[in-house]
Amino acid sequence: GEQHLQLQGQRYTLVPGESLHTENSYKYSVES
């Protein structure tokens, strides 16, 4: 659902269909 976040006086809204992207974990071949 709609989520409201407030940080140091600034207000932000995230709604369904959006996300906070927190991590990638890349996988390699030995050669790459």
PDB file of all heavy atoms in Angstrom:
ATOM      1  N   GLY A   1       0.842  -1.199   0.000  1.00  0.00           N
ATOM      2  CA  GLY A   1       0.000   0.000   0.000  1.00  0.00           C
ATOM      3  C   GLY A   1       0.875   1.247   0.000  1.00  0.00           C
ATOM      4  O   GLY A   1       2.106   1.192  -0.081  1.00  0.00           O
ATOM      5  N   GLU A   2       0.248   2.391   0.094  1.00  0.00           N
ATOM      6  CA  GLU A   2       0.973   3.659   0.076  1.00  0.00           C
ATOM      7  C   GLU A   2       1.736   3.841   1.387  1.00  0.00           C
ATOM      8  O   GLU A   2       1.151   3.754   2.466  1.00  0.00           O
ATOM      9  CB  GLU A   2      -0.018   4.798  -0.130  1.00  0.00           C
ATOM     10  CG  GLU A   2       0.636   6.147  -0.388  1.00  0.00           C
ATOM     11  CD  GLU A   2      -0.379   7.195  -0.811  1.00  0.00           C
ATOM     12  OE1 GLU A   2      -0.810   7.167  -1.976  1.00  0.00           O
ATOM     13  OE2 GLU A   2      -0.763   8.012   0.056  1.00  0.00           O
ATOM     14  N   GLN A   3       3.036   4.072   1.281  1.00  0.00           N
ATOM     15  CA  GLN A   3       3.887   4.214   2.462  1.00  0.00           C
ATOM     16  C   GLN A   3       4.498   5.618   2.490  1.00  0.00           C
ATOM     17  O   GLN A   3       5.048   6.079   1.487  1.00  0.00           O
ATOM     18  CB  GLN A   3       5.001   3.165   2.467  1.00  0.00           C
ATOM     19  CG  GLN A   3       4.505   1.727   2.561  1.00  0.00           C
ATOM     20  CD  GLN A   3       3.776   1.455   3.857  1.00  0.00           C
ATOM     21  OE1 GLN A   3       4.179   1.930   4.915  1.00  0.00           O
ATOM     22  NE2 GLN A   3       2.693   0.675   3.772  1.00  0.00           N
ATOM     23  N   HIS A   4       4.399   6.263   3.669  1.00  0.00           N
ATOM     24  CA  HIS A   4       4.946   7.607   3.843  1.00  0.00           C
ATOM     25  C   HIS A   4       6.177   7.536   4.740  1.00  0.00           C
ATOM     26  O   HIS A   4       6.164   6.883   5.782  1.00  0.00           O
ATOM     27  CB  HIS A   4       3.894   8.532   4.452  1.00  0.00           C
ATOM     28  CG  HIS A   4       2.651   8.626   3.621  1.00  0.00           C
ATOM     29  ND1 HIS A   4       2.590   9.367   2.463  1.00  0.00           N
ATOM     30  CD2 HIS A   4       1.425   8.056   3.784  1.00  0.00           C
ATOM     31  CE1 HIS A   4       1.388   9.264   1.938  1.00  0.00           C
ATOM     32  NE2 HIS A   4       0.657   8.464   2.714  1.00  0.00           N
ATOM     33  N   LEU A   5       7.252   8.191   4.318  1.00  0.00           N
ATOM     34  CA  LEU A   5       8.506   8.224   5.063  1.00  0.00           C
ATOM     35  C   LEU A   5       8.913   9.676   5.240  1.00  0.00           C
ATOM     36  O   LEU A   5       8.798  10.482   4.304  1.00  0.00           O
ATOM     37  CB  LEU A   5       9.611   7.463   4.336  1.00  0.00           C
ATOM     38  CG  LEU A   5       9.325   6.000   3.943  1.00  0.00           C
ATOM     39  CD1 LEU A   5       8.718   5.930   2.540  1.00  0.00           C
ATOM     40  CD2 LEU A   5      10.587   5.162   4.017  1.00  0.00           C
ATOM     41  N   GLN A   6       9.417   9.994   6.422  1.00  0.00           N
ATOM     42  CA  GLN A   6       9.869  11.360   6.683  1.00  0.00           C
ATOM     43  C   GLN A   6      11.296  11.314   7.227  1.00  0.00           C
ATOM     44  O   GLN A   6      11.584  10.608   8.188  1.00  0.00           O
ATOM     45  CB  GLN A   6       8.946  12.066   7.680  1.00  0.00           C
ATOM     46  CG  GLN A   6       9.297  13.548   7.859  1.00  0.00           C
ATOM     47  CD  GLN A   6       8.153  14.352   8.458  1.00  0.00           C
ATOM     48  OE1 GLN A   6       7.038  14.342   7.954  1.00  0.00           O
ATOM     49  NE2 GLN A   6       8.442  15.043   9.547  1.00  0.00           N
ATOM     50  N   LEU A   7      12.161  12.066   6.572  1.00  0.00           N
ATOM     51  CA  LEU A   7      13.579  12.093   6.945  1.00  0.00           C
ATOM     52  C   LEU A   7      14.038  13.537   7.021  1.00  0.00           C
ATOM     53  O   LEU A   7      14.017  14.256   6.017  1.00  0.00           O
ATOM     54  CB  LEU A   7      14.418  11.321   5.916  1.00  0.00           C
ATOM     55  CG  LEU A   7      15.925  11.308   6.132  1.00  0.00           C
ATOM     56  CD1 LEU A   7      16.294  10.602   7.440  1.00  0.00           C
ATOM     57  CD2 LEU A   7      16.642  10.628   4.955  1.00  0.00           C
ATOM     58  N   GLN A   8      14.401  13.965   8.225  1.00  0.00           N
ATOM     59  CA  GLN A   8      14.953  15.304   8.446  1.00  0.00           C
ATOM     60  C   GLN A   8      14.061  16.394   7.821  1.00  0.00           C
ATOM     61  O   GLN A   8      14.535  17.308   7.156  1.00  0.00           O
ATOM     62  CB  GLN A   8      16.384  15.374   7.892  1.00  0.00           C
ATOM     63  CG  GLN A   8      17.324  14.397   8.593  1.00  0.00           C
ATOM     64  CD  GLN A   8      18.694  14.323   7.970  1.00  0.00           C
ATOM     65  OE1 GLN A   8      18.848  14.538   6.769  1.00  0.00           O
ATOM     66  NE2 GLN A   8      19.698  14.009   8.768  1.00  0.00           N
ATOM     67  N   GLY A   9      12.740  16.248   8.050  1.00  0.00           N
ATOM     68  CA  GLY A   9      11.799  17.241   7.588  1.00  0.00           C
ATOM     69  C   GLY A   9      11.314  17.056   6.160  1.00  0.00           C
ATOM     70  O   GLY A   9      10.367  17.731   5.730  1.00  0.00           O
ATOM     71  N   GLN A  10      11.937  16.145   5.427  1.00  0.00           N
ATOM     72  CA  GLN A  10      11.507  15.865   4.059  1.00  0.00           C
ATOM     73  C   GLN A  10      10.551  14.670   4.064  1.00  0.00           C
ATOM     74  O   GLN A  10      10.815  13.658   4.723  1.00  0.00           O
ATOM     75  CB  GLN A  10      12.699  15.545   3.166  1.00  0.00           C
ATOM     76  CG  GLN A  10      13.608  16.725   2.878  1.00  0.00           C
ATOM     77  CD  GLN A  10      12.964  17.697   1.905  1.00  0.00           C
ATOM     78  OE1 GLN A  10      12.623  18.818   2.292  1.00  0.00           O
ATOM     79  NE2 GLN A  10      12.780  17.303   0.667  1.00  0.00           N
ATOM     80  N   ARG A  11       9.463  14.776   3.312  1.00  0.00           N
ATOM     81  CA  ARG A  11       8.451  13.733   3.258  1.00  0.00           C
ATOM     82  C   ARG A  11       8.488  13.041   1.894  1.00  0.00           C
ATOM     83  O   ARG A  11       8.548  13.708   0.855  1.00  0.00           O
ATOM     84  CB  ARG A  11       7.066  14.321   3.514  1.00  0.00           C
ATOM     85  CG  ARG A  11       5.947  13.302   3.662  1.00  0.00           C
ATOM     86  CD  ARG A  11       4.659  14.020   4.058  1.00  0.00           C
ATOM     87  NE  ARG A  11       3.501  13.128   4.090  1.00  0.00           N
ATOM     88  CZ  ARG A  11       3.158  12.394   5.134  1.00  0.00           C
ATOM     89  NH1 ARG A  11       3.872  12.441   6.246  1.00  0.00           N
ATOM     90  NH2 ARG A  11       2.077  11.631   5.081  1.00  0.00           N
ATOM     91  N   TYR A  12       8.456  11.704   1.926  1.00  0.00           N
ATOM     92  CA  TYR A  12       8.505  10.916   0.699  1.00  0.00           C
ATOM     93  C   TYR A  12       7.375   9.894   0.721  1.00  0.00           C
ATOM     94  O   TYR A  12       6.951   9.452   1.794  1.00  0.00           O
ATOM     95  CB  TYR A  12       9.844  10.181   0.574  1.00  0.00           C
ATOM     96  CG  TYR A  12      11.052  11.093   0.616  1.00  0.00           C
ATOM     97  CD1 TYR A  12      11.761  11.292   1.809  1.00  0.00           C
ATOM     98  CD2 TYR A  12      11.480  11.760  -0.530  1.00  0.00           C
ATOM     99  CE1 TYR A  12      12.861  12.128   1.848  1.00  0.00           C
ATOM    100  CE2 TYR A  12      12.584  12.602  -0.502  1.00  0.00           C
ATOM    101  CZ  TYR A  12      13.276  12.781   0.688  1.00  0.00           C
ATOM    102  OH  TYR A  12      14.359  13.610   0.729  1.00  0.00           O
ATOM    103  N   THR A  13       6.922   9.516  -0.457  1.00  0.00           N
ATOM    104  CA  THR A  13       5.851   8.529  -0.581  1.00  0.00           C
ATOM    105  C   THR A  13       6.253   7.456  -1.582  1.00  0.00           C
ATOM    106  O   THR A  13       6.742   7.776  -2.680  1.00  0.00           O
ATOM    107  CB  THR A  13       4.539   9.184  -1.035  1.00  0.00           C
ATOM    108  OG1 THR A  13       4.163  10.184  -0.088  1.00  0.00           O
ATOM    109  CG2 THR A  13       3.428   8.149  -1.148  1.00  0.00           C
ATOM    110  N   LEU A  14       6.059   6.190  -1.197  1.00  0.00           N
ATOM    111  CA  LEU A  14       6.231   5.063  -2.112  1.00  0.00           C
ATOM    112  C   LEU A  14       4.890   4.356  -2.221  1.00  0.00           C
ATOM    113  O   LEU A  14       4.212   4.135  -1.208  1.00  0.00           O
ATOM    114  CB  LEU A  14       7.289   4.078  -1.617  1.00  0.00           C
ATOM    115  CG  LEU A  14       8.738   4.352  -2.055  1.00  0.00           C
ATOM    116  CD1 LEU A  14       9.298   5.551  -1.309  1.00  0.00           C
ATOM    117  CD2 LEU A  14       9.615   3.121  -1.822  1.00  0.00           C
ATOM    118  N   VAL A  15       4.527   4.009  -3.434  1.00  0.00           N
ATOM    119  CA  VAL A  15       3.240   3.361  -3.678  1.00  0.00           C
ATOM    120  C   VAL A  15       3.489   1.998  -4.321  1.00  0.00           C
ATOM    121  O   VAL A  15       4.583   1.733  -4.835  1.00  0.00           O
ATOM    122  CB  VAL A  15       2.346   4.234  -4.597  1.00  0.00           C
ATOM    123  CG1 VAL A  15       2.073   5.592  -3.955  1.00  0.00           C
ATOM    124  CG2 VAL A  15       2.988   4.416  -5.974  1.00  0.00           C
ATOM    125  N   PRO A  16       2.493   1.104  -4.285  1.00  0.00           N
ATOM    126  CA  PRO A  16       2.652  -0.197  -4.944  1.00  0.00           C
ATOM    127  C   PRO A  16       3.072  -0.034  -6.405  1.00  0.00           C
ATOM    128  O   PRO A  16       2.580   0.849  -7.117  1.00  0.00           O
ATOM    129  CB  PRO A  16       1.257  -0.822  -4.822  1.00  0.00           C
ATOM    130  CG  PRO A  16       0.703  -0.223  -3.581  1.00  0.00           C
ATOM    131  CD  PRO A  16       1.202   1.194  -3.561  1.00  0.00           C
ATOM    132  N   GLY A  17       4.003  -0.871  -6.820  1.00  0.00           N
ATOM    133  CA  GLY A  17       4.589  -0.748  -8.153  1.00  0.00           C
ATOM    134  C   GLY A  17       5.933  -0.060  -8.122  1.00  0.00           C
ATOM    135  O   GLY A  17       6.687  -0.112  -9.096  1.00  0.00           O
ATOM    136  N   GLU A  18       6.258   0.606  -7.005  1.00  0.00           N
ATOM    137  CA  GLU A  18       7.579   1.202  -6.805  1.00  0.00           C
ATOM    138  C   GLU A  18       8.359   0.344  -5.810  1.00  0.00           C
ATOM    139  O   GLU A  18       7.795  -0.537  -5.160  1.00  0.00           O
ATOM    140  CB  GLU A  18       7.442   2.636  -6.280  1.00  0.00           C
ATOM    141  CG  GLU A  18       6.717   3.569  -7.246  1.00  0.00           C
ATOM    142  CD  GLU A  18       6.522   4.957  -6.674  1.00  0.00           C
ATOM    143  OE1 GLU A  18       6.465   5.099  -5.434  1.00  0.00           O
ATOM    144  OE2 GLU A  18       6.413   5.893  -7.487  1.00  0.00           O
ATOM    145  N   SER A  19       9.644   0.605  -5.695  1.00  0.00           N
ATOM    146  CA  SER A  19      10.453  -0.144  -4.728  1.00  0.00           C
ATOM    147  C   SER A  19      11.659   0.669  -4.315  1.00  0.00           C
ATOM    148  O   SER A  19      12.060   1.613  -5.004  1.00  0.00           O
ATOM    149  CB  SER A  19      10.921  -1.480  -5.319  1.00  0.00           C
ATOM    150  OG  SER A  19      11.990  -1.276  -6.237  1.00  0.00           O
ATOM    151  N   LEU A  20      12.243   0.290  -3.187  1.00  0.00           N
ATOM    152  CA  LEU A  20      13.566   0.777  -2.781  1.00  0.00           C
ATOM    153  C   LEU A  20      14.538  -0.354  -3.077  1.00  0.00           C
ATOM    154  O   LEU A  20      14.456  -1.431  -2.486  1.00  0.00           O
ATOM    155  CB  LEU A  20      13.576   1.138  -1.297  1.00  0.00           C
ATOM    156  CG  LEU A  20      14.884   1.702  -0.745  1.00  0.00           C
ATOM    157  CD1 LEU A  20      15.269   2.996  -1.460  1.00  0.00           C
ATOM    158  CD2 LEU A  20      14.778   1.943   0.765  1.00  0.00           C
ATOM    159  N   HIS A  21      15.438  -0.122  -4.041  1.00  0.00           N
ATOM    160  CA  HIS A  21      16.392  -1.141  -4.509  1.00  0.00           C
ATOM    161  C   HIS A  21      17.595  -1.124  -3.574  1.00  0.00           C
ATOM    162  O   HIS A  21      18.355  -0.160  -3.550  1.00  0.00           O
ATOM    163  CB  HIS A  21      16.787  -0.803  -5.943  1.00  0.00           C
ATOM    164  CG  HIS A  21      17.629  -1.827  -6.614  1.00  0.00           C
ATOM    165  ND1 HIS A  21      17.953  -1.744  -7.959  1.00  0.00           N
ATOM    166  CD2 HIS A  21      18.227  -2.960  -6.164  1.00  0.00           C
ATOM    167  CE1 HIS A  21      18.707  -2.767  -8.287  1.00  0.00           C
ATOM    168  NE2 HIS A  21      18.899  -3.513  -7.216  1.00  0.00           N
ATOM    169  N   THR A  22      17.767  -2.192  -2.794  1.00  0.00           N
ATOM    170  CA  THR A  22      18.745  -2.191  -1.701  1.00  0.00           C
ATOM    171  C   THR A  22      20.032  -2.944  -1.996  1.00  0.00           C
ATOM    172  O   THR A  22      21.042  -2.699  -1.326  1.00  0.00           O
ATOM    173  CB  THR A  22      18.115  -2.777  -0.432  1.00  0.00           C
ATOM    174  OG1 THR A  22      17.593  -4.078  -0.732  1.00  0.00           O
ATOM    175  CG2 THR A  22      16.985  -1.895   0.094  1.00  0.00           C
ATOM    176  N   GLU A  23      20.014  -3.867  -2.937  1.00  0.00           N
ATOM    177  CA  GLU A  23      21.249  -4.624  -3.182  1.00  0.00           C
ATOM    178  C   GLU A  23      21.218  -5.289  -4.544  1.00  0.00           C
ATOM    179  O   GLU A  23      20.172  -5.730  -5.025  1.00  0.00           O
ATOM    180  CB  GLU A  23      21.441  -5.709  -2.110  1.00  0.00           C
ATOM    181  CG  GLU A  23      22.746  -6.490  -2.253  1.00  0.00           C
ATOM    182  CD  GLU A  23      22.951  -7.534  -1.168  1.00  0.00           C
ATOM    183  OE1 GLU A  23      22.030  -8.332  -0.919  1.00  0.00           O
ATOM    184  OE2 GLU A  23      24.039  -7.551  -0.576  1.00  0.00           O
ATOM    185  N   ASN A  24      22.406  -5.367  -5.167  1.00  0.00           N
ATOM    186  CA  ASN A  24      22.672  -6.258  -6.283  1.00  0.00           C
ATOM    187  C   ASN A  24      23.747  -7.242  -5.844  1.00  0.00           C
ATOM    188  O   ASN A  24      24.600  -6.908  -5.009  1.00  0.00           O
ATOM    189  CB  ASN A  24      23.181  -5.498  -7.507  1.00  0.00           C
ATOM    190  CG  ASN A  24      22.118  -4.633  -8.140  1.00  0.00           C
ATOM    191  OD1 ASN A  24      20.954  -5.023  -8.233  1.00  0.00           O
ATOM    192  ND2 ASN A  24      22.503  -3.440  -8.593  1.00  0.00           N
ATOM    193  N   SER A  25      23.711  -8.438  -6.398  1.00  0.00           N
ATOM    194  CA  SER A  25      24.781  -9.397  -6.164  1.00  0.00           C
ATOM    195  C   SER A  25      25.106 -10.061  -7.499  1.00  0.00           C
ATOM    196  O   SER A  25      24.429 -10.990  -7.934  1.00  0.00           O
ATOM    197  CB  SER A  25      24.363 -10.452  -5.129  1.00  0.00           C
ATOM    198  OG  SER A  25      25.446 -11.333  -4.865  1.00  0.00           O
ATOM    199  N   TYR A  26      26.132  -9.508  -8.144  1.00  0.00           N
ATOM    200  CA  TYR A  26      26.523  -9.999  -9.469  1.00  0.00           C
ATOM    201  C   TYR A  26      27.251 -11.333  -9.362  1.00  0.00           C
ATOM    202  O   TYR A  26      28.026 -11.570  -8.425  1.00  0.00           O
ATOM    203  CB  TYR A  26      27.436  -8.984 -10.162  1.00  0.00           C
ATOM    204  CG  TYR A  26      26.724  -7.791 -10.725  1.00  0.00           C
ATOM    205  CD1 TYR A  26      26.415  -6.699  -9.912  1.00  0.00           C
ATOM    206  CD2 TYR A  26      26.352  -7.741 -12.061  1.00  0.00           C
ATOM    207  CE1 TYR A  26      25.751  -5.582 -10.424  1.00  0.00           C
ATOM    208  CE2 TYR A  26      25.682  -6.630 -12.581  1.00  0.00           C
ATOM    209  CZ  TYR A  26      25.386  -5.561 -11.756  1.00  0.00           C
ATOM    210  OH  TYR A  26      24.734  -4.472 -12.259  1.00  0.00           O
ATOM    211  N   LYS A  27      26.998 -12.194 -10.336  1.00  0.00           N
ATOM    212  CA  LYS A  27      27.667 -13.484 -10.437  1.00  0.00           C
ATOM    213  C   LYS A  27      28.563 -13.465 -11.688  1.00  0.00           C
ATOM    214  O   LYS A  27      28.194 -12.894 -12.718  1.00  0.00           O
ATOM    215  CB  LYS A  27      26.644 -14.617 -10.530  1.00  0.00           C
ATOM    216  CG  LYS A  27      25.522 -14.532  -9.486  1.00  0.00           C
ATOM    217  CD  LYS A  27      26.026 -14.467  -8.057  1.00  0.00           C
ATOM    218  CE  LYS A  27      24.901 -14.215  -7.067  1.00  0.00           C
ATOM    219  NZ  LYS A  27      25.394 -14.033  -5.679  1.00  0.00           N
ATOM    220  N   TYR A  28      29.715 -14.079 -11.574  1.00  0.00           N
ATOM    221  CA  TYR A  28      30.707 -14.045 -12.652  1.00  0.00           C
ATOM    222  C   TYR A  28      31.053 -15.449 -13.118  1.00  0.00           C
ATOM    223  O   TYR A  28      30.859 -16.428 -12.389  1.00  0.00           O
ATOM    224  CB  TYR A  28      31.998 -13.385 -12.151  1.00  0.00           C
ATOM    225  CG  TYR A  28      31.915 -11.900 -11.880  1.00  0.00           C
ATOM    226  CD1 TYR A  28      31.495 -11.415 -10.638  1.00  0.00           C
ATOM    227  CD2 TYR A  28      32.274 -10.977 -12.855  1.00  0.00           C
ATOM    228  CE1 TYR A  28      31.435 -10.051 -10.385  1.00  0.00           C
ATOM    229  CE2 TYR A  28      32.219  -9.607 -12.610  1.00  0.00           C
ATOM    230  CZ  TYR A  28      31.798  -9.155 -11.372  1.00  0.00           C
ATOM    231  OH  TYR A  28      31.736  -7.802 -11.125  1.00  0.00           O
ATOM    232  N   SER A  29      31.618 -15.544 -14.310  1.00  0.00           N
ATOM    233  CA  SER A  29      32.398 -16.721 -14.677  1.00  0.00           C
ATOM    234  C   SER A  29      33.835 -16.459 -14.239  1.00  0.00           C
ATOM    235  O   SER A  29      34.216 -15.312 -13.986  1.00  0.00           O
ATOM    236  CB  SER A  29      32.348 -16.960 -16.188  1.00  0.00           C
ATOM    237  OG  SER A  29      33.004 -15.896 -16.874  1.00  0.00           O
ATOM    238  N   VAL A  30      34.635 -17.514 -14.138  1.00  0.00           N
ATOM    239  CA  VAL A  30      36.054 -17.330 -13.787  1.00  0.00           C
ATOM    240  C   VAL A  30      36.707 -16.382 -14.788  1.00  0.00           C
ATOM    241  O   VAL A  30      37.446 -15.465 -14.426  1.00  0.00           O
ATOM    242  CB  VAL A  30      36.781 -18.682 -13.747  1.00  0.00           C
ATOM    243  CG1 VAL A  30      38.300 -18.487 -13.707  1.00  0.00           C
ATOM    244  CG2 VAL A  30      36.318 -19.497 -12.542  1.00  0.00           C
ATOM    245  N   GLU A  31      36.399 -16.578 -16.073  1.00  0.00           N
ATOM    246  CA  GLU A  31      37.042 -15.798 -17.126  1.00  0.00           C
ATOM    247  C   GLU A  31      36.616 -14.333 -17.079  1.00  0.00           C
ATOM    248  O   GLU A  31      37.453 -13.433 -17.251  1.00  0.00           O
ATOM    249  CB  GLU A  31      36.715 -16.408 -18.491  1.00  0.00           C
ATOM    250  CG  GLU A  31      37.282 -17.795 -18.735  1.00  0.00           C
ATOM    251  CD  GLU A  31      36.521 -18.898 -17.988  1.00  0.00           C
ATOM    252  OE1 GLU A  31      35.357 -18.657 -17.567  1.00  0.00           O
ATOM    253  OE2 GLU A  31      37.102 -19.990 -17.830  1.00  0.00           O
ATOM    254  N   SER A  32      35.334 -14.081 -16.847  1.00  0.00           N
ATOM    255  CA  SER A  32      34.877 -12.687 -16.836  1.00  0.00           C
ATOM    256  C   SER A  32      35.442 -11.923 -15.641  1.00  0.00           C
ATOM    257  O   SER A  32      35.779 -10.737 -15.755  1.00  0.00           O
ATOM    258  CB  SER A  32      33.346 -12.618 -16.845  1.00  0.00           C
ATOM    259  OG  SER A  32      32.788 -13.142 -15.656  1.00  0.00           O
TER     260      SER A  32
END
